[in-house]
Amino acid sequence: MRLHVDQRHERVLELVRERGSIRVAELAHVLGVSPVTLRRDVETLAAQGRLHRMHGAVVWPGGSAEQVPRQAAGPDAEGLVIGLVVPTNNYYYPEVIRGVREVVDAHGARLTIGITNYLPGEDVEQAKRLIAAGADGLLLTPNWDEGAPRGAEGAWVADFEVPTVLMERWAPHGHPAAALDRVRSDHGHGAAEAVRHLASLGHRKVGLVLQVSPTARHLRFGHAAAVEALGLEPVPELPFEDGSDLSHAEHFDRAFAYLCDLVENHGVTAVLIHSDADALTLIPRLQARGIRVPEDLAVVAYDDEVASLADQPLTAAAPDKREVGAQAAELLLRRLTADPDAPAATRQHIDLLPELRVRTSCGSELDRT
């Protein structure tokens, strides 16, 4: 059970008092919270004079540097340069960048950034530029259309001589990048949770509308897996690959026609729409057609960038983008500050589960039986 902040503060004080000192990373692990959350707790308690911070560790008042665990008193992140390469600093990635920056700043390191704007080949060029400029390690989100490389694509990510962590990307077994550390959102789980929620409200036919994006593959898989696991009725699909050459307006026209067909001809009563920005465009069109939300069609959006701001707030699956950035930065900094004489730590593949945030776009008392 998650502790209230006051309870967590008391538990922090109890652990530090018992041990005299403890590393921040270990303390976060013991309490089951993110390093970012734990650092906020430590800052609050240190400001109150109830404990001291020292070289990546927390020390009970009256303690000294000699009490700090060897791992924490070892190489510090101060002076390190972290290179970050992401496709954009607009939709989705601002929170990822924020998570990275908070952790890098908290460790006393410096962040430099490269933006690729999804341009072909720009990811490797930005990574090389940051390394040439002095980056000690890299956080990378390569421009892979489906979130993973095809064939030998992207083998360059494993060729750098600095530690590298993938963010929101993965590589299949056998690919050189598969051996790298990575942190990503489990979008398939997010889609499955949306379907499960809709099924709990009595919906038996749940549609899916996707953007052409690296996320789409995982959403489609999670949706299909949940439909099968819950024994729901399959519905006609809208193959998202067929829309890759459509204009923005054509994409919405196609999605709108598809949704109308599902509701009017196939008895579909619920849908998962990626993204919530797309849902905000499609819902007024549906309502103008006479399809009411949620009475005729329950809607769950994916991403939760603006879903809560709709005139009818949208239930949404929300990847924790900030935590993706924070955990990726923590992982990279641990690599960079590890004792060079100690055995190398095991590589990690971390999947973070999106949260379903229930609002009003699904209803709650609908009888679909």
Protein backbone atom coordinates (compact mmCIF):
# COMPACT_ATOMS: atom_id res chain seq x y z
CA MET A 1 0.00 0.00 0.00
CA ARG A 2 1.35 3.44 -0.95
CA LEU A 3 2.29 5.55 2.06
CA HIS A 4 0.97 9.06 2.62
CA VAL A 5 3.71 11.67 2.27
CA ASP A 6 3.86 12.26 6.03
CA GLN A 7 4.12 8.53 6.68
CA ARG A 8 6.83 8.28 4.05
CA HIS A 9 8.79 11.10 5.68
CA GLU A 10 8.63 9.30 9.03
CA ARG A 11 9.80 6.07 7.40
CA VAL A 12 12.72 7.92 5.77
CA LEU A 13 13.76 9.34 9.14
CA GLU A 14 13.44 5.94 10.79
CA LEU A 15 15.68 4.24 8.20
CA VAL A 16 18.33 6.97 8.28
CA ARG A 17 18.33 7.01 12.09
CA GLU A 18 18.76 3.21 12.22
CA ARG A 19 21.63 3.10 9.71
CA GLY A 20 23.31 6.43 10.29
CA SER A 21 23.47 6.92 6.52
CA ILE A 22 21.94 5.37 3.43
CA ARG A 23 22.25 5.90 -0.30
CA VAL A 24 19.39 7.78 -1.96
CA ALA A 25 18.93 5.06 -4.60
CA GLU A 26 18.74 2.35 -1.93
CA LEU A 27 16.31 4.39 0.15
CA ALA A 28 14.03 4.89 -2.87
CA HIS A 29 14.13 1.13 -3.54
CA VAL A 30 13.27 0.22 0.07
CA LEU A 31 10.32 2.61 0.08
CA GLY A 32 9.11 1.60 -3.37
CA VAL A 33 9.11 5.14 -4.77
CA SER A 34 10.90 6.79 -7.66
CA PRO A 35 14.25 8.48 -7.02
CA VAL A 36 12.67 11.78 -8.05
CA THR A 37 9.95 11.42 -5.38
CA LEU A 38 12.49 10.38 -2.77
CA ARG A 39 14.72 13.38 -3.54
CA ARG A 40 11.78 15.71 -2.97
CA ASP A 41 11.21 14.06 0.42
CA VAL A 42 14.90 14.39 1.30
CA GLU A 43 14.98 18.05 0.26
CA THR A 44 11.97 18.77 2.46
CA LEU A 45 13.43 16.98 5.48
CA ALA A 46 16.89 18.52 4.96
CA ALA A 47 15.33 21.99 4.80
CA GLN A 48 13.75 21.24 8.19
CA GLY A 49 17.14 20.22 9.57
CA ARG A 50 15.96 16.68 10.29
CA LEU A 51 18.67 15.02 8.15
CA HIS A 52 21.62 15.93 5.91
CA ARG A 53 22.37 15.22 2.26
CA MET A 54 25.92 14.21 1.32
CA HIS A 55 27.38 12.79 -1.92
CA GLY A 56 24.29 10.94 -3.14
CA ALA A 57 23.41 9.73 0.34
CA VAL A 58 21.33 10.79 3.33
CA VAL A 59 23.06 11.17 6.70
CA TRP A 60 21.57 11.45 10.19
CA PRO A 61 22.35 14.82 11.82
CA GLY A 62 25.71 14.64 13.56
CA GLY A 63 27.06 12.08 11.07
CA SER A 64 30.11 12.61 8.87
CA ALA A 65 31.43 11.73 5.44
CA GLU A 66 33.06 8.63 6.93
CA GLN A 67 29.60 7.23 7.61
CA VAL A 68 28.47 7.50 3.99
CA PRO A 69 28.34 4.09 2.24
CA ARG A 70 31.34 3.51 -0.03
CA GLN A 71 29.16 3.34 -3.16
CA ALA A 72 27.65 6.74 -2.41
CA ALA A 73 30.95 8.39 -1.46
CA GLY A 74 32.53 7.17 -4.68
CA PRO A 75 32.55 8.99 -8.03
CA ASP A 76 30.08 11.86 -8.05
CA ALA A 77 28.01 12.96 -11.05
CA GLU A 78 29.20 16.56 -10.69
CA GLY A 79 30.86 17.63 -13.92
CA LEU A 80 29.37 14.82 -16.01
CA VAL A 81 27.60 15.74 -19.24
CA ILE A 82 24.50 13.79 -20.27
CA GLY A 83 23.50 13.87 -23.93
CA LEU A 84 19.79 13.50 -24.71
CA VAL A 85 18.44 12.82 -28.23
CA VAL A 86 14.64 12.90 -28.71
CA PRO A 87 12.40 13.32 -31.77
CA THR A 88 10.68 16.48 -30.57
CA ASN A 89 10.27 18.81 -27.62
CA ASN A 90 6.56 19.19 -28.31
CA TYR A 91 3.92 16.48 -27.96
CA TYR A 92 4.70 13.65 -25.49
CA TYR A 93 8.38 14.41 -24.94
CA PRO A 94 8.31 17.58 -22.80
CA GLU A 95 7.52 15.46 -19.73
CA VAL A 96 10.21 12.92 -20.65
CA ILE A 97 12.72 15.76 -20.92
CA ARG A 98 11.50 17.17 -17.62
CA GLY A 99 12.08 13.85 -15.85
CA VAL A 100 15.60 13.61 -17.28
CA ARG A 101 16.43 17.17 -16.34
CA GLU A 102 15.23 16.84 -12.74
CA VAL A 103 17.44 13.82 -12.11
CA VAL A 104 20.48 15.20 -13.94
CA ASP A 105 20.21 18.49 -12.04
CA ALA A 106 19.75 16.70 -8.71
CA HIS A 107 23.00 14.80 -9.31
CA GLY A 108 24.93 17.93 -10.21
CA ALA A 109 25.49 16.83 -13.81
CA ARG A 110 24.77 18.88 -16.95
CA LEU A 111 22.24 18.08 -19.68
CA THR A 112 22.70 18.77 -23.40
CA ILE A 113 19.98 17.98 -25.92
CA GLY A 114 19.55 17.19 -29.60
CA ILE A 115 16.20 17.28 -31.44
CA THR A 116 15.74 15.16 -34.58
CA ASN A 117 12.25 16.24 -35.71
CA TYR A 118 11.93 12.65 -37.02
CA LEU A 119 14.25 13.49 -39.94
CA PRO A 120 15.91 10.40 -41.49
CA GLY A 121 19.44 9.92 -40.21
CA GLU A 122 19.24 12.90 -37.88
CA ASP A 123 19.25 10.71 -34.75
CA VAL A 124 22.74 9.32 -35.37
CA GLU A 125 24.06 12.74 -36.38
CA GLN A 126 22.72 14.37 -33.22
CA ALA A 127 24.19 11.59 -31.07
CA LYS A 128 27.62 11.97 -32.71
CA ARG A 129 27.45 15.73 -32.27
CA LEU A 130 26.71 15.47 -28.56
CA ILE A 131 29.54 13.00 -28.01
CA ALA A 132 31.96 15.21 -29.95
CA ALA A 133 30.86 18.09 -27.72
CA GLY A 134 31.81 16.13 -24.60
CA ALA A 135 28.80 14.01 -23.57
CA ASP A 136 29.85 11.28 -21.14
CA GLY A 137 26.72 9.20 -21.77
CA LEU A 138 23.65 9.15 -24.02
CA LEU A 139 19.90 8.88 -23.57
CA LEU A 140 18.48 8.01 -27.00
CA THR A 141 15.08 7.83 -28.65
CA PRO A 142 15.94 6.83 -32.23
CA ASN A 143 13.63 7.54 -35.18
CA TRP A 144 12.32 3.98 -35.49
CA ASP A 145 8.87 4.02 -37.13
CA GLU A 146 7.43 1.19 -35.05
CA GLY A 147 9.43 1.84 -31.90
CA ALA A 148 11.92 -0.88 -32.86
CA PRO A 149 14.46 -1.24 -35.69
CA ARG A 150 13.72 -3.24 -38.81
CA GLY A 151 16.41 -5.72 -39.77
CA ALA A 152 19.86 -4.17 -39.33
CA GLU A 153 18.43 -0.67 -38.98
CA GLY A 154 19.75 1.25 -35.99
CA ALA A 155 22.76 -0.94 -35.26
CA TRP A 156 24.73 2.28 -34.77
CA VAL A 157 23.17 2.84 -31.33
CA ALA A 158 25.35 0.06 -29.90
CA ASP A 159 28.57 1.38 -31.44
CA PHE A 160 29.21 4.37 -29.20
CA GLU A 161 32.01 4.19 -26.67
CA VAL A 162 29.95 5.95 -24.00
CA PRO A 163 27.20 4.30 -21.92
CA THR A 164 23.86 4.49 -23.73
CA VAL A 165 20.27 4.04 -22.55
CA LEU A 166 17.29 3.75 -24.89
CA MET A 167 14.09 5.60 -23.99
CA GLU A 168 10.64 4.62 -25.32
CA ARG A 169 12.33 2.29 -27.80
CA TRP A 170 13.27 -1.40 -27.83
CA ALA A 171 15.17 -3.82 -30.06
CA PRO A 172 14.37 -7.45 -30.92
CA HIS A 173 16.54 -10.29 -29.68
CA GLY A 174 19.71 -10.61 -31.71
CA HIS A 175 19.85 -6.94 -32.64
CA PRO A 176 22.93 -5.13 -31.26
CA ALA A 177 20.71 -2.60 -29.47
CA ALA A 178 18.95 -5.39 -27.54
CA ALA A 179 21.92 -5.53 -25.15
CA LEU A 180 21.56 -1.87 -24.16
CA ASP A 181 19.80 -0.61 -21.06
CA ARG A 182 16.33 0.72 -21.85
CA VAL A 183 13.32 2.31 -20.18
CA ARG A 184 9.96 2.47 -21.93
CA SER A 185 6.22 2.66 -21.34
CA ASP A 186 4.32 -0.61 -21.70
CA HIS A 187 1.76 0.82 -24.11
CA GLY A 188 0.25 -2.61 -24.71
CA HIS A 189 -0.63 -2.79 -21.02
CA GLY A 190 -2.18 0.67 -21.22
CA ALA A 191 -4.41 -0.37 -24.12
CA ALA A 192 -5.38 -3.59 -22.35
CA GLU A 193 -6.33 -1.69 -19.19
CA ALA A 194 -8.56 0.59 -21.25
CA VAL A 195 -10.34 -2.41 -22.78
CA ARG A 196 -10.65 -4.08 -19.38
CA HIS A 197 -12.25 -0.94 -17.94
CA LEU A 198 -14.73 -0.73 -20.80
CA ALA A 199 -15.58 -4.42 -20.44
CA SER A 200 -16.23 -3.87 -16.73
CA LEU A 201 -18.89 -1.35 -17.74
CA GLY A 202 -20.63 -3.98 -19.85
CA HIS A 203 -19.25 -3.20 -23.32
CA ARG A 204 -18.78 -6.28 -25.50
CA LYS A 205 -17.49 -4.62 -28.68
CA VAL A 206 -14.57 -2.22 -28.32
CA GLY A 207 -13.08 -0.49 -31.35
CA LEU A 208 -9.60 0.98 -31.82
CA VAL A 209 -8.48 4.11 -33.68
CA LEU A 210 -4.73 4.65 -34.06
CA GLN A 211 -2.33 7.29 -35.23
CA VAL A 212 0.56 6.19 -37.41
CA SER A 213 3.26 6.29 -34.72
CA PRO A 214 5.80 4.11 -32.89
CA THR A 215 3.14 3.56 -30.22
CA ALA A 216 0.50 2.12 -32.56
CA ARG A 217 1.94 -1.38 -32.81
CA HIS A 218 1.87 -1.86 -29.04
CA LEU A 219 -1.63 -0.43 -28.66
CA ARG A 220 -2.98 -2.75 -31.31
CA PHE A 221 -1.34 -5.75 -29.64
CA GLY A 222 -2.63 -4.83 -26.17
CA HIS A 223 -6.13 -4.17 -27.48
CA ALA A 224 -6.28 -7.50 -29.32
CA ALA A 225 -4.85 -9.43 -26.37
CA ALA A 226 -7.39 -7.95 -23.96
CA VAL A 227 -10.30 -8.58 -26.33
CA GLU A 228 -9.30 -12.25 -26.53
CA ALA A 229 -8.52 -12.66 -22.82
CA LEU A 230 -11.85 -11.10 -21.79
CA GLY A 231 -13.89 -13.03 -24.33
CA LEU A 232 -15.13 -9.90 -26.09
CA GLU A 233 -16.46 -9.84 -29.62
CA PRO A 234 -13.93 -8.82 -32.29
CA VAL A 235 -14.77 -5.85 -34.50
CA PRO A 236 -13.55 -4.85 -37.98
CA GLU A 237 -10.12 -3.25 -37.85
CA LEU A 238 -8.89 -0.05 -39.45
CA PRO A 239 -5.35 -1.02 -40.57
CA PHE A 240 -3.24 1.90 -39.44
CA GLU A 241 -0.50 1.11 -41.98
CA ASP A 242 -2.89 2.03 -44.80
CA GLY A 243 -3.08 5.57 -43.48
CA SER A 244 0.65 6.36 -43.57
CA ASP A 245 0.39 8.46 -46.75
CA LEU A 246 -2.78 10.33 -45.80
CA SER A 247 -2.90 14.03 -45.11
CA HIS A 248 -3.92 15.21 -41.66
CA ALA A 249 -7.45 16.00 -42.87
CA GLU A 250 -7.75 12.66 -44.67
CA HIS A 251 -6.69 10.85 -41.50
CA PHE A 252 -9.56 12.38 -39.54
CA ASP A 253 -12.08 11.80 -42.35
CA ARG A 254 -11.07 8.15 -42.50
CA ALA A 255 -11.21 7.67 -38.73
CA PHE A 256 -14.58 9.42 -38.51
CA ALA A 257 -16.10 7.25 -41.26
CA TYR A 258 -14.71 4.15 -39.56
CA LEU A 259 -16.23 5.06 -36.19
CA CYS A 260 -19.61 5.83 -37.72
CA ASP A 261 -19.58 2.46 -39.48
CA LEU A 262 -18.67 0.64 -36.26
CA VAL A 263 -21.49 2.24 -34.29
CA GLU A 264 -24.20 2.21 -36.99
CA ASN A 265 -23.49 -1.12 -38.68
CA HIS A 266 -21.53 -3.30 -36.24
CA GLY A 267 -23.01 -2.55 -32.82
CA VAL A 268 -19.81 -1.16 -31.35
CA THR A 269 -20.44 0.75 -28.10
CA ALA A 270 -16.92 1.71 -26.99
CA VAL A 271 -13.61 2.76 -28.49
CA LEU A 272 -9.99 3.46 -27.57
CA ILE A 273 -8.63 6.45 -29.51
CA HIS A 274 -4.97 7.33 -29.85
CA SER A 275 -4.34 10.11 -29.15
CA ASP A 276 -6.50 12.22 -26.83
CA ALA A 277 -5.88 15.17 -29.17
CA ASP A 278 -7.43 13.10 -31.96
CA ALA A 279 -10.32 12.17 -29.68
CA LEU A 280 -11.00 15.85 -29.04
CA THR A 281 -11.35 16.38 -32.79
CA LEU A 282 -13.42 13.27 -33.50
CA ILE A 283 -15.96 13.49 -30.67
CA PRO A 284 -17.66 16.73 -31.84
CA ARG A 285 -17.97 15.24 -35.33
CA LEU A 286 -19.59 12.13 -33.88
CA GLN A 287 -21.99 14.19 -31.80
CA ALA A 288 -22.95 16.24 -34.87
CA ARG A 289 -23.78 12.93 -36.54
CA GLY A 290 -26.08 12.07 -33.63
CA ILE A 291 -23.69 9.65 -31.93
CA ARG A 292 -23.66 10.62 -28.26
CA VAL A 293 -20.67 10.19 -25.94
CA PRO A 294 -20.88 8.24 -23.70
CA GLU A 295 -24.54 7.18 -24.21
CA ASP A 296 -23.97 5.67 -27.67
CA LEU A 297 -20.19 5.39 -27.66
CA ALA A 298 -17.93 5.27 -24.61
CA VAL A 299 -14.49 6.75 -25.30
CA VAL A 300 -11.10 6.13 -23.70
CA ALA A 301 -8.25 8.27 -25.01
CA TYR A 302 -4.57 7.34 -25.00
CA ASP A 303 -1.68 9.59 -23.82
CA ASP A 304 -3.57 11.96 -21.47
CA GLU A 305 -1.88 15.09 -22.73
CA VAL A 306 -5.06 17.19 -22.88
CA ALA A 307 -7.83 14.66 -22.12
CA SER A 308 -8.75 16.27 -18.79
CA LEU A 309 -9.32 19.65 -20.51
CA ALA A 310 -12.16 18.49 -22.77
CA ASP A 311 -15.60 19.98 -22.09
CA GLN A 312 -16.49 16.40 -21.21
CA PRO A 313 -13.26 15.20 -19.54
CA LEU A 314 -12.01 12.03 -21.20
CA THR A 315 -11.06 8.84 -19.44
CA ALA A 316 -7.49 8.21 -20.57
CA ALA A 317 -4.61 5.77 -20.33
CA ALA A 318 -1.63 7.82 -19.18
CA PRO A 319 1.97 6.71 -19.72
CA ASP A 320 4.19 8.18 -17.01
CA LYS A 321 6.45 10.07 -19.40
CA ARG A 322 8.23 12.00 -16.67
CA GLU A 323 9.12 8.76 -14.88
CA VAL A 324 10.47 7.27 -18.12
CA GLY A 325 12.92 10.16 -18.36
CA ALA A 326 13.77 10.06 -14.66
CA GLN A 327 14.46 6.33 -14.54
CA ALA A 328 16.48 6.41 -17.77
CA ALA A 329 18.63 9.22 -16.37
CA GLU A 330 19.11 7.39 -13.06
CA LEU A 331 20.14 4.25 -14.92
CA LEU A 332 22.67 6.11 -17.05
CA LEU A 333 24.13 8.00 -14.08
CA ARG A 334 24.56 4.75 -12.16
CA ARG A 335 26.58 3.43 -15.09
CA LEU A 336 28.69 6.56 -15.24
CA THR A 337 29.43 6.73 -11.51
CA ALA A 338 29.94 3.01 -10.88
CA ASP A 339 33.17 1.83 -9.28
CA PRO A 340 35.44 0.94 -12.24
CA ASP A 341 36.99 -1.87 -10.21
CA ALA A 342 33.63 -3.50 -9.42
CA PRO A 343 31.91 -6.04 -11.71
CA ALA A 344 29.66 -4.39 -14.29
CA ALA A 345 26.03 -4.22 -13.22
CA THR A 346 23.49 -6.34 -15.09
CA ARG A 347 21.82 -4.58 -18.01
CA GLN A 348 18.22 -3.62 -17.40
CA HIS A 349 15.06 -3.49 -19.53
CA ILE A 350 12.48 -1.50 -17.58
CA ASP A 351 8.82 -1.35 -18.64
CA LEU A 352 6.63 1.21 -16.85
CA LEU A 353 2.87 0.59 -16.70
CA PRO A 354 0.52 3.39 -17.79
CA GLU A 355 -2.20 4.47 -15.39
CA LEU A 356 -5.90 4.56 -16.32
CA ARG A 357 -7.43 7.88 -15.24
CA VAL A 358 -11.20 7.53 -15.11
CA ARG A 359 -13.28 10.60 -15.93
CA THR A 360 -16.70 10.98 -17.58
CA SER A 361 -16.38 9.89 -21.22
CA CYS A 362 -17.27 6.26 -20.53
CA GLY A 363 -20.27 6.69 -18.24
CA SER A 364 -20.58 4.37 -15.29
CA GLU A 365 -24.13 3.12 -15.15
CA LEU A 366 -24.68 2.00 -18.74
CA ASP A 367 -26.39 -1.35 -19.20
CA ARG A 368 -24.92 -3.03 -22.26
CA THR A 369 -26.14 -6.56 -21.59
